[in-house]
Amino acid sequence: MQTPPVALSIAGSDNSAGAGAQADLKTFTALGVYGLTAITCVVAEVPGRVSAIAPVPPEIVAEQVRLSLEAYPVGAVKTGMLHSRAAIEAICGVLETARPVLVIDPVMIATSGAPLLEPEGVDALRNRLFPLATLVTPNLDEAAVLWGRPVCGFAEMREAGRALCDRFGCAFLLKGGHLKGEAVDLLLTPEGTASEFTAPRVPGVSTHGTGCTLSAAITAGLAGGMPLVEAVRSAKQFVTRAIAQHYRWNGANGETHALNHQARD
């Protein structure tokens, strides 16, 4: 009999399986964690393009979460694309009682530039979901929305991260993938610690789902009992391998790339 750690992803369904709940399940499985999902919306997308989004009724989303937490020993939960204020509020109605270890990937805009969160959903993230979080993992565009100012360099990453930690009382991992030079992520905690995680860039790769995969890998580590810093470090290494050993196909629209969640050293 095996009893692996269990993690729950609350996220959208991506038909291309490069991001969203599908990427989360691939990540959990690769890291030896049994993955559960609560689907918030169905997204028609491929790398570089989102063509349609259909939300799941909020009460169904909440019921997926409730049943999962009731039936399994969930060690950690992550949220990805939540899409609407109504979905966020329904989810919070369950999480406020359960109080799990919670990683929030505040998905607002796709890599292609398509909006993935309704404008009124940002306030619901701030006011309802963030107070429940263990860790929030914004990219620099998302951090700028949450902070209210542009984040253009490493010094501003540190300033924004500290301000967000102080405001919301949880840890923040600011992802510096949009900065020039090495890909540097910065973890700041409410206790005042700061940790940097760097990785070399892999040129010529155009894919999506790196943020989903990173937050899922952190969630898997936390579900397995890793301390936060170690979970982030391990997740950064996992994503770097997935990018470096990416998949590639030729098609009618040119090359299509995808992360390799089975990549190994």
C-alpha atoms as a PDB file:
ATOM      1  CA  MET A   1       0.000   0.000   0.000  1.00  0.00           C
ATOM      2  CA  GLN A   2       1.254   3.474  -0.878  1.00  0.00           C
ATOM      3  CA  THR A   3       0.180   6.728   0.756  1.00  0.00           C
ATOM      4  CA  PRO A   4       1.789   9.579  -1.221  1.00  0.00           C
ATOM      5  CA  PRO A   5       1.317  13.231  -0.269  1.00  0.00           C
ATOM      6  CA  VAL A   6      -1.811  14.830  -1.734  1.00  0.00           C
ATOM      7  CA  ALA A   7      -2.148  18.280  -3.304  1.00  0.00           C
ATOM      8  CA  LEU A   8      -5.165  20.082  -4.750  1.00  0.00           C
ATOM      9  CA  SER A   9      -5.078  22.438  -7.736  1.00  0.00           C
ATOM     10  CA  ILE A  10      -7.932  24.932  -8.094  1.00  0.00           C
ATOM     11  CA  ALA A  11      -7.425  26.157 -11.648  1.00  0.00           C
ATOM     12  CA  GLY A  12      -8.665  26.417 -15.206  1.00  0.00           C
ATOM     13  CA  SER A  13      -8.597  23.615 -17.742  1.00  0.00           C
ATOM     14  CA  ASP A  14      -6.138  24.205 -20.619  1.00  0.00           C
ATOM     15  CA  ASN A  15      -6.810  22.032 -23.659  1.00  0.00           C
ATOM     16  CA  SER A  16      -3.160  22.321 -24.752  1.00  0.00           C
ATOM     17  CA  ALA A  17      -2.160  20.886 -21.347  1.00  0.00           C
ATOM     18  CA  GLY A  18       0.785  23.261 -21.067  1.00  0.00           C
ATOM     19  CA  ALA A  19      -0.729  25.355 -18.295  1.00  0.00           C
ATOM     20  CA  GLY A  20      -3.611  25.241 -15.847  1.00  0.00           C
ATOM     21  CA  ALA A  21      -4.842  22.144 -14.069  1.00  0.00           C
ATOM     22  CA  GLN A  22      -3.257  19.816 -16.625  1.00  0.00           C
ATOM     23  CA  ALA A  23       0.212  21.263 -16.051  1.00  0.00           C
ATOM     24  CA  ASP A  24      -0.363  21.082 -12.307  1.00  0.00           C
ATOM     25  CA  LEU A  25      -1.269  17.395 -12.473  1.00  0.00           C
ATOM     26  CA  LYS A  26       1.802  16.645 -14.589  1.00  0.00           C
ATOM     27  CA  THR A  27       3.953  18.462 -12.030  1.00  0.00           C
ATOM     28  CA  PHE A  28       2.408  16.738  -9.019  1.00  0.00           C
ATOM     29  CA  THR A  29       2.845  13.318 -10.632  1.00  0.00           C
ATOM     30  CA  ALA A  30       6.450  13.977 -11.637  1.00  0.00           C
ATOM     31  CA  LEU A  31       7.229  14.942  -8.041  1.00  0.00           C
ATOM     32  CA  GLY A  32       5.564  11.931  -6.436  1.00  0.00           C
ATOM     33  CA  VAL A  33       2.432  13.728  -5.218  1.00  0.00           C
ATOM     34  CA  TYR A  34      -1.149  12.571  -5.818  1.00  0.00           C
ATOM     35  CA  GLY A  35      -2.956  15.422  -7.536  1.00  0.00           C
ATOM     36  CA  LEU A  36      -6.579  16.520  -7.215  1.00  0.00           C
ATOM     37  CA  THR A  37      -8.277  19.251  -9.245  1.00  0.00           C
ATOM     38  CA  ALA A  38     -11.149  21.675  -8.898  1.00  0.00           C
ATOM     39  CA  ILE A  39     -11.822  23.189 -12.320  1.00  0.00           C
ATOM     40  CA  THR A  40     -12.818  26.871 -12.336  1.00  0.00           C
ATOM     41  CA  CYS A  41     -13.240  27.389 -16.080  1.00  0.00           C
ATOM     42  CA  VAL A  42     -12.561  25.757 -19.428  1.00  0.00           C
ATOM     43  CA  VAL A  43     -10.087  27.619 -21.630  1.00  0.00           C
ATOM     44  CA  ALA A  44      -9.550  27.109 -25.351  1.00  0.00           C
ATOM     45  CA  GLU A  45      -5.885  27.995 -25.801  1.00  0.00           C
ATOM     46  CA  VAL A  46      -2.568  27.094 -27.306  1.00  0.00           C
ATOM     47  CA  PRO A  47       0.800  28.745 -26.678  1.00  0.00           C
ATOM     48  CA  GLY A  48       0.435  32.379 -27.705  1.00  0.00           C
ATOM     49  CA  ARG A  49      -3.342  32.425 -28.082  1.00  0.00           C
ATOM     50  CA  VAL A  50      -6.458  32.260 -25.878  1.00  0.00           C
ATOM     51  CA  SER A  51      -9.614  32.058 -28.003  1.00  0.00           C
ATOM     52  CA  ALA A  52     -12.410  31.320 -25.511  1.00  0.00           C
ATOM     53  CA  ILE A  53     -13.140  30.987 -21.772  1.00  0.00           C
ATOM     54  CA  ALA A  54     -16.214  29.312 -20.273  1.00  0.00           C
ATOM     55  CA  PRO A  55     -16.592  29.577 -16.478  1.00  0.00           C
ATOM     56  CA  VAL A  56     -17.770  26.711 -14.298  1.00  0.00           C
ATOM     57  CA  PRO A  57     -20.637  27.755 -11.966  1.00  0.00           C
ATOM     58  CA  PRO A  58     -19.119  29.016  -8.689  1.00  0.00           C
ATOM     59  CA  GLU A  59     -21.151  26.623  -6.555  1.00  0.00           C
ATOM     60  CA  ILE A  60     -19.749  23.672  -8.536  1.00  0.00           C
ATOM     61  CA  VAL A  61     -16.205  24.980  -8.089  1.00  0.00           C
ATOM     62  CA  ALA A  62     -16.739  25.271  -4.335  1.00  0.00           C
ATOM     63  CA  GLU A  63     -18.240  21.800  -4.137  1.00  0.00           C
ATOM     64  CA  GLN A  64     -15.236  20.299  -5.947  1.00  0.00           C
ATOM     65  CA  VAL A  65     -12.979  21.915  -3.355  1.00  0.00           C
ATOM     66  CA  ARG A  66     -15.128  20.881  -0.408  1.00  0.00           C
ATOM     67  CA  LEU A  67     -15.356  17.235  -1.472  1.00  0.00           C
ATOM     68  CA  SER A  68     -11.633  17.019  -2.187  1.00  0.00           C
ATOM     69  CA  LEU A  69     -10.684  18.359   1.239  1.00  0.00           C
ATOM     70  CA  GLU A  70     -13.234  16.097   2.908  1.00  0.00           C
ATOM     71  CA  ALA A  71     -12.193  12.863   1.195  1.00  0.00           C
ATOM     72  CA  TYR A  72      -8.379  13.189   1.027  1.00  0.00           C
ATOM     73  CA  PRO A  73      -5.569  14.194   3.411  1.00  0.00           C
ATOM     74  CA  VAL A  74      -4.658  17.250   1.339  1.00  0.00           C
ATOM     75  CA  GLY A  75      -1.228  18.510   2.374  1.00  0.00           C
ATOM     76  CA  ALA A  76      -1.329  21.718   0.335  1.00  0.00           C
ATOM     77  CA  VAL A  77      -3.603  23.609  -2.058  1.00  0.00           C
ATOM     78  CA  LYS A  78      -2.743  25.907  -4.949  1.00  0.00           C
ATOM     79  CA  THR A  79      -4.926  28.286  -6.876  1.00  0.00           C
ATOM     80  CA  GLY A  80      -4.312  29.282 -10.459  1.00  0.00           C
ATOM     81  CA  MET A  81      -6.792  30.838 -12.862  1.00  0.00           C
ATOM     82  CA  LEU A  82      -9.922  31.705 -10.867  1.00  0.00           C
ATOM     83  CA  HIS A  83     -11.432  34.003 -13.524  1.00  0.00           C
ATOM     84  CA  SER A  84     -14.164  35.746 -11.520  1.00  0.00           C
ATOM     85  CA  ARG A  85     -15.021  37.389  -8.242  1.00  0.00           C
ATOM     86  CA  ALA A  86     -17.902  34.961  -7.780  1.00  0.00           C
ATOM     87  CA  ALA A  87     -15.594  31.955  -8.064  1.00  0.00           C
ATOM     88  CA  ILE A  88     -13.089  33.465  -5.627  1.00  0.00           C
ATOM     89  CA  GLU A  89     -15.765  34.192  -3.047  1.00  0.00           C
ATOM     90  CA  ALA A  90     -17.235  30.696  -3.378  1.00  0.00           C
ATOM     91  CA  ILE A  91     -13.805  29.091  -2.949  1.00  0.00           C
ATOM     92  CA  CYS A  92     -13.019  31.272   0.057  1.00  0.00           C
ATOM     93  CA  GLY A  93     -16.236  30.103   1.708  1.00  0.00           C
ATOM     94  CA  VAL A  94     -14.633  26.634   1.858  1.00  0.00           C
ATOM     95  CA  LEU A  95     -11.000  27.585   2.476  1.00  0.00           C
ATOM     96  CA  GLU A  96     -11.799  29.956   5.339  1.00  0.00           C
ATOM     97  CA  THR A  97     -13.048  26.931   7.278  1.00  0.00           C
ATOM     98  CA  ALA A  98     -10.441  24.389   6.156  1.00  0.00           C
ATOM     99  CA  ARG A  99      -7.392  26.705   6.392  1.00  0.00           C
ATOM    100  CA  PRO A 100      -4.998  24.547   4.340  1.00  0.00           C
ATOM    101  CA  VAL A 101      -1.432  25.359   3.380  1.00  0.00           C
ATOM    102  CA  LEU A 102      -2.220  27.600   0.412  1.00  0.00           C
ATOM    103  CA  VAL A 103      -0.113  28.733  -2.561  1.00  0.00           C
ATOM    104  CA  ILE A 104      -1.737  31.423  -4.707  1.00  0.00           C
ATOM    105  CA  ASP A 105      -0.630  32.012  -8.282  1.00  0.00           C
ATOM    106  CA  PRO A 106      -2.562  35.263  -8.937  1.00  0.00           C
ATOM    107  CA  VAL A 107      -3.237  34.551 -12.601  1.00  0.00           C
ATOM    108  CA  MET A 108      -4.397  37.782 -14.233  1.00  0.00           C
ATOM    109  CA  ILE A 109      -2.985  37.890 -17.768  1.00  0.00           C
ATOM    110  CA  ALA A 110      -1.933  35.069 -20.104  1.00  0.00           C
ATOM    111  CA  THR A 111       1.502  34.938 -21.689  1.00  0.00           C
ATOM    112  CA  SER A 112      -0.273  35.948 -24.911  1.00  0.00           C
ATOM    113  CA  GLY A 113      -1.629  39.088 -23.210  1.00  0.00           C
ATOM    114  CA  ALA A 114      -5.234  37.859 -22.910  1.00  0.00           C
ATOM    115  CA  PRO A 115      -6.979  38.867 -19.648  1.00  0.00           C
ATOM    116  CA  LEU A 116      -7.682  35.852 -17.414  1.00  0.00           C
ATOM    117  CA  LEU A 117      -9.232  37.546 -14.365  1.00  0.00           C
ATOM    118  CA  GLU A 118     -12.237  39.845 -14.411  1.00  0.00           C
ATOM    119  CA  PRO A 119     -11.307  43.334 -13.081  1.00  0.00           C
ATOM    120  CA  GLU A 120     -13.486  43.028  -9.977  1.00  0.00           C
ATOM    121  CA  GLY A 121     -11.719  39.755  -9.197  1.00  0.00           C
ATOM    122  CA  VAL A 122      -8.533  41.588  -8.212  1.00  0.00           C
ATOM    123  CA  ASP A 123     -10.230  43.092  -5.151  1.00  0.00           C
ATOM    124  CA  ALA A 124     -11.562  39.662  -4.198  1.00  0.00           C
ATOM    125  CA  LEU A 125      -8.040  38.255  -4.420  1.00  0.00           C
ATOM    126  CA  ARG A 126      -6.710  40.971  -2.151  1.00  0.00           C
ATOM    127  CA  ASN A 127      -9.523  41.066   0.371  1.00  0.00           C
ATOM    128  CA  ARG A 128     -10.682  37.440   0.611  1.00  0.00           C
ATOM    129  CA  LEU A 129      -8.030  35.055  -0.713  1.00  0.00           C
ATOM    130  CA  PHE A 130      -4.675  36.615   0.210  1.00  0.00           C
ATOM    131  CA  PRO A 131      -5.444  36.615   3.967  1.00  0.00           C
ATOM    132  CA  LEU A 132      -5.616  32.799   3.724  1.00  0.00           C
ATOM    133  CA  ALA A 133      -2.319  32.393   1.847  1.00  0.00           C
ATOM    134  CA  THR A 134       0.943  30.792   2.844  1.00  0.00           C
ATOM    135  CA  LEU A 135       2.634  32.070  -0.328  1.00  0.00           C
ATOM    136  CA  VAL A 136       1.668  34.271  -3.295  1.00  0.00           C
ATOM    137  CA  THR A 137       3.676  33.981  -6.539  1.00  0.00           C
ATOM    138  CA  PRO A 138       3.112  37.027  -8.804  1.00  0.00           C
ATOM    139  CA  ASN A 139       5.098  37.804 -11.914  1.00  0.00           C
ATOM    140  CA  LEU A 140       6.251  41.398 -12.240  1.00  0.00           C
ATOM    141  CA  ASP A 141       3.146  42.586 -14.105  1.00  0.00           C
ATOM    142  CA  GLU A 142       0.910  41.053 -11.437  1.00  0.00           C
ATOM    143  CA  ALA A 143       3.095  42.457  -8.661  1.00  0.00           C
ATOM    144  CA  ALA A 144       2.728  45.920 -10.194  1.00  0.00           C
ATOM    145  CA  VAL A 145      -1.079  45.607 -10.131  1.00  0.00           C
ATOM    146  CA  LEU A 146      -1.046  44.447  -6.507  1.00  0.00           C
ATOM    147  CA  TRP A 147       1.514  47.044  -5.386  1.00  0.00           C
ATOM    148  CA  GLY A 148       0.069  49.893  -7.429  1.00  0.00           C
ATOM    149  CA  ARG A 149       3.414  50.844  -9.003  1.00  0.00           C
ATOM    150  CA  PRO A 150       5.580  49.492 -11.849  1.00  0.00           C
ATOM    151  CA  VAL A 151       8.225  46.911 -10.954  1.00  0.00           C
ATOM    152  CA  CYS A 152      11.083  47.503 -13.394  1.00  0.00           C
ATOM    153  CA  GLY A 153      14.203  46.218 -11.628  1.00  0.00           C
ATOM    154  CA  PHE A 154      15.517  44.083  -8.812  1.00  0.00           C
ATOM    155  CA  ALA A 155      15.500  46.908  -6.262  1.00  0.00           C
ATOM    156  CA  GLU A 156      11.819  47.486  -6.981  1.00  0.00           C
ATOM    157  CA  MET A 157      11.157  43.746  -6.738  1.00  0.00           C
ATOM    158  CA  ARG A 158      12.543  43.827  -3.210  1.00  0.00           C
ATOM    159  CA  GLU A 159      10.599  46.959  -2.286  1.00  0.00           C
ATOM    160  CA  ALA A 160       7.341  45.641  -3.741  1.00  0.00           C
ATOM    161  CA  GLY A 161       7.756  42.233  -2.146  1.00  0.00           C
ATOM    162  CA  ARG A 162       8.396  43.684   1.277  1.00  0.00           C
ATOM    163  CA  ALA A 163       5.404  46.015   0.995  1.00  0.00           C
ATOM    164  CA  LEU A 164       3.141  43.145  -0.082  1.00  0.00           C
ATOM    165  CA  CYS A 165       4.369  40.883   2.728  1.00  0.00           C
ATOM    166  CA  ASP A 166       3.677  43.603   5.260  1.00  0.00           C
ATOM    167  CA  ARG A 167       0.247  44.326   3.807  1.00  0.00           C
ATOM    168  CA  PHE A 168      -1.046  40.772   3.519  1.00  0.00           C
ATOM    169  CA  GLY A 169       0.904  38.921   6.224  1.00  0.00           C
ATOM    170  CA  CYS A 170       2.098  36.061   4.015  1.00  0.00           C
ATOM    171  CA  ALA A 171       5.202  35.213   1.980  1.00  0.00           C
ATOM    172  CA  PHE A 172       5.607  36.533  -1.583  1.00  0.00           C
ATOM    173  CA  LEU A 173       7.717  35.040  -4.361  1.00  0.00           C
ATOM    174  CA  LEU A 174       8.236  37.685  -7.057  1.00  0.00           C
ATOM    175  CA  LYS A 175       9.162  36.046 -10.353  1.00  0.00           C
ATOM    176  CA  GLY A 176      11.737  38.057 -12.266  1.00  0.00           C
ATOM    177  CA  GLY A 177      11.527  36.218 -15.558  1.00  0.00           C
ATOM    178  CA  HIS A 178      10.712  39.444 -17.437  1.00  0.00           C
ATOM    179  CA  LEU A 179      13.926  41.168 -16.330  1.00  0.00           C
ATOM    180  CA  LYS A 180      17.077  41.107 -18.439  1.00  0.00           C
ATOM    181  CA  GLY A 181      19.939  38.840 -17.469  1.00  0.00           C
ATOM    182  CA  GLU A 182      19.578  35.714 -15.352  1.00  0.00           C
ATOM    183  CA  ALA A 183      16.088  34.654 -14.289  1.00  0.00           C
ATOM    184  CA  VAL A 184      15.995  35.759 -10.643  1.00  0.00           C
ATOM    185  CA  ASP A 185      13.078  35.080  -8.311  1.00  0.00           C
ATOM    186  CA  LEU A 186      12.882  36.755  -4.908  1.00  0.00           C
ATOM    187  CA  LEU A 187      11.198  35.189  -1.875  1.00  0.00           C
ATOM    188  CA  LEU A 188      10.278  37.482   0.996  1.00  0.00           C
ATOM    189  CA  THR A 189       8.588  36.349   4.208  1.00  0.00           C
ATOM    190  CA  PRO A 190       6.647  38.190   6.910  1.00  0.00           C
ATOM    191  CA  GLU A 191       9.498  37.358   9.289  1.00  0.00           C
ATOM    192  CA  GLY A 192      11.768  39.634   7.259  1.00  0.00           C
ATOM    193  CA  THR A 193      13.895  37.051   5.453  1.00  0.00           C
ATOM    194  CA  ALA A 194      14.778  37.368   1.773  1.00  0.00           C
ATOM    195  CA  SER A 195      16.063  34.582  -0.497  1.00  0.00           C
ATOM    196  CA  GLU A 196      17.146  34.781  -4.137  1.00  0.00           C
ATOM    197  CA  PHE A 197      16.811  31.945  -6.644  1.00  0.00           C
ATOM    198  CA  THR A 198      18.623  32.238  -9.957  1.00  0.00           C
ATOM    199  CA  ALA A 199      18.754  30.139 -13.104  1.00  0.00           C
ATOM    200  CA  PRO A 200      20.293  30.671 -16.537  1.00  0.00           C
ATOM    201  CA  ARG A 201      17.910  31.629 -19.311  1.00  0.00           C
ATOM    202  CA  VAL A 202      17.185  29.142 -22.077  1.00  0.00           C
ATOM    203  CA  PRO A 203      17.119  31.062 -25.384  1.00  0.00           C
ATOM    204  CA  GLY A 204      14.751  30.315 -28.213  1.00  0.00           C
ATOM    205  CA  VAL A 205      11.963  28.757 -26.139  1.00  0.00           C
ATOM    206  CA  SER A 206       8.429  30.129 -26.518  1.00  0.00           C
ATOM    207  CA  THR A 207       5.954  28.280 -24.345  1.00  0.00           C
ATOM    208  CA  HIS A 208       3.413  28.915 -21.613  1.00  0.00           C
ATOM    209  CA  GLY A 209       2.665  27.463 -18.204  1.00  0.00           C
ATOM    210  CA  THR A 210       5.939  28.184 -16.422  1.00  0.00           C
ATOM    211  CA  GLY A 211       4.160  30.097 -13.660  1.00  0.00           C
ATOM    212  CA  CYS A 212       1.586  27.342 -13.204  1.00  0.00           C
ATOM    213  CA  THR A 213       4.316  24.716 -13.106  1.00  0.00           C
ATOM    214  CA  LEU A 214       6.455  26.650 -10.633  1.00  0.00           C
ATOM    215  CA  SER A 215       3.603  27.208  -8.175  1.00  0.00           C
ATOM    216  CA  ALA A 216       2.490  23.572  -8.549  1.00  0.00           C
ATOM    217  CA  ALA A 217       6.017  22.342  -7.828  1.00  0.00           C
ATOM    218  CA  ILE A 218       6.174  24.534  -4.715  1.00  0.00           C
ATOM    219  CA  THR A 219       2.793  23.156  -3.636  1.00  0.00           C
ATOM    220  CA  ALA A 220       4.039  19.605  -4.152  1.00  0.00           C
ATOM    221  CA  GLY A 221       7.056  20.306  -1.973  1.00  0.00           C
ATOM    222  CA  LEU A 222       4.939  21.813   0.790  1.00  0.00           C
ATOM    223  CA  ALA A 223       2.489  18.886   0.599  1.00  0.00           C
ATOM    224  CA  GLY A 224       5.448  16.569   1.156  1.00  0.00           C
ATOM    225  CA  GLY A 225       6.590  18.486   4.233  1.00  0.00           C
ATOM    226  CA  MET A 226       9.401  20.620   2.779  1.00  0.00           C
ATOM    227  CA  PRO A 227      10.165  23.968   4.429  1.00  0.00           C
ATOM    228  CA  LEU A 228       9.117  26.905   2.230  1.00  0.00           C
ATOM    229  CA  VAL A 229      12.613  27.950   1.114  1.00  0.00           C
ATOM    230  CA  GLU A 230      13.526  24.397   0.147  1.00  0.00           C
ATOM    231  CA  ALA A 231      10.218  23.931  -1.683  1.00  0.00           C
ATOM    232  CA  VAL A 232      10.865  27.082  -3.732  1.00  0.00           C
ATOM    233  CA  ARG A 233      14.464  26.088  -4.497  1.00  0.00           C
ATOM    234  CA  SER A 234      13.428  22.608  -5.619  1.00  0.00           C
ATOM    235  CA  ALA A 235      10.589  24.031  -7.725  1.00  0.00           C
ATOM    236  CA  LYS A 236      12.905  26.511  -9.453  1.00  0.00           C
ATOM    237  CA  GLN A 237      15.222  23.655 -10.425  1.00  0.00           C
ATOM    238  CA  PHE A 238      12.269  21.600 -11.683  1.00  0.00           C
ATOM    239  CA  VAL A 239      11.002  24.410 -13.934  1.00  0.00           C
ATOM    240  CA  THR A 240      14.483  25.165 -15.255  1.00  0.00           C
ATOM    241  CA  ARG A 241      14.851  21.524 -16.346  1.00  0.00           C
ATOM    242  CA  ALA A 242      11.368  21.528 -17.892  1.00  0.00           C
ATOM    243  CA  ILE A 243      12.291  24.563 -19.996  1.00  0.00           C
ATOM    244  CA  ALA A 244      15.779  23.382 -20.949  1.00  0.00           C
ATOM    245  CA  GLN A 245      14.509  19.960 -22.063  1.00  0.00           C
ATOM    246  CA  HIS A 246      11.325  21.306 -23.656  1.00  0.00           C
ATOM    247  CA  TYR A 247       9.307  19.571 -26.341  1.00  0.00           C
ATOM    248  CA  ARG A 248       9.112  20.946 -29.881  1.00  0.00           C
ATOM    249  CA  TRP A 249       6.849  20.243 -32.859  1.00  0.00           C
ATOM    250  CA  ASN A 250       6.506  21.697 -36.350  1.00  0.00           C
ATOM    251  CA  GLY A 251       3.011  22.572 -37.557  1.00  0.00           C
ATOM    252  CA  ALA A 252       1.035  24.736 -39.935  1.00  0.00           C
ATOM    253  CA  ASN A 253       1.675  27.827 -37.802  1.00  0.00           C
ATOM    254  CA  GLY A 254       5.369  27.154 -37.222  1.00  0.00           C
ATOM    255  CA  GLU A 255       7.016  25.644 -34.176  1.00  0.00           C
ATOM    256  CA  THR A 256       5.095  24.819 -31.012  1.00  0.00           C
ATOM    257  CA  HIS A 257       6.976  24.398 -27.734  1.00  0.00           C
ATOM    258  CA  ALA A 258       5.890  22.824 -24.454  1.00  0.00           C
ATOM    259  CA  LEU A 259       7.457  22.273 -21.049  1.00  0.00           C
ATOM    260  CA  ASN A 260       8.828  18.794 -20.370  1.00  0.00           C
ATOM    261  CA  HIS A 261       7.482  17.907 -16.936  1.00  0.00           C
ATOM    262  CA  GLN A 262       9.349  14.590 -17.047  1.00  0.00           C
ATOM    263  CA  ALA A 263      12.764  16.215 -17.520  1.00  0.00           C
ATOM    264  CA  ARG A 264      15.573  14.860 -15.362  1.00  0.00           C
ATOM    265  CA  ASP A 265      19.147  15.925 -14.605  1.00  0.00           C
END
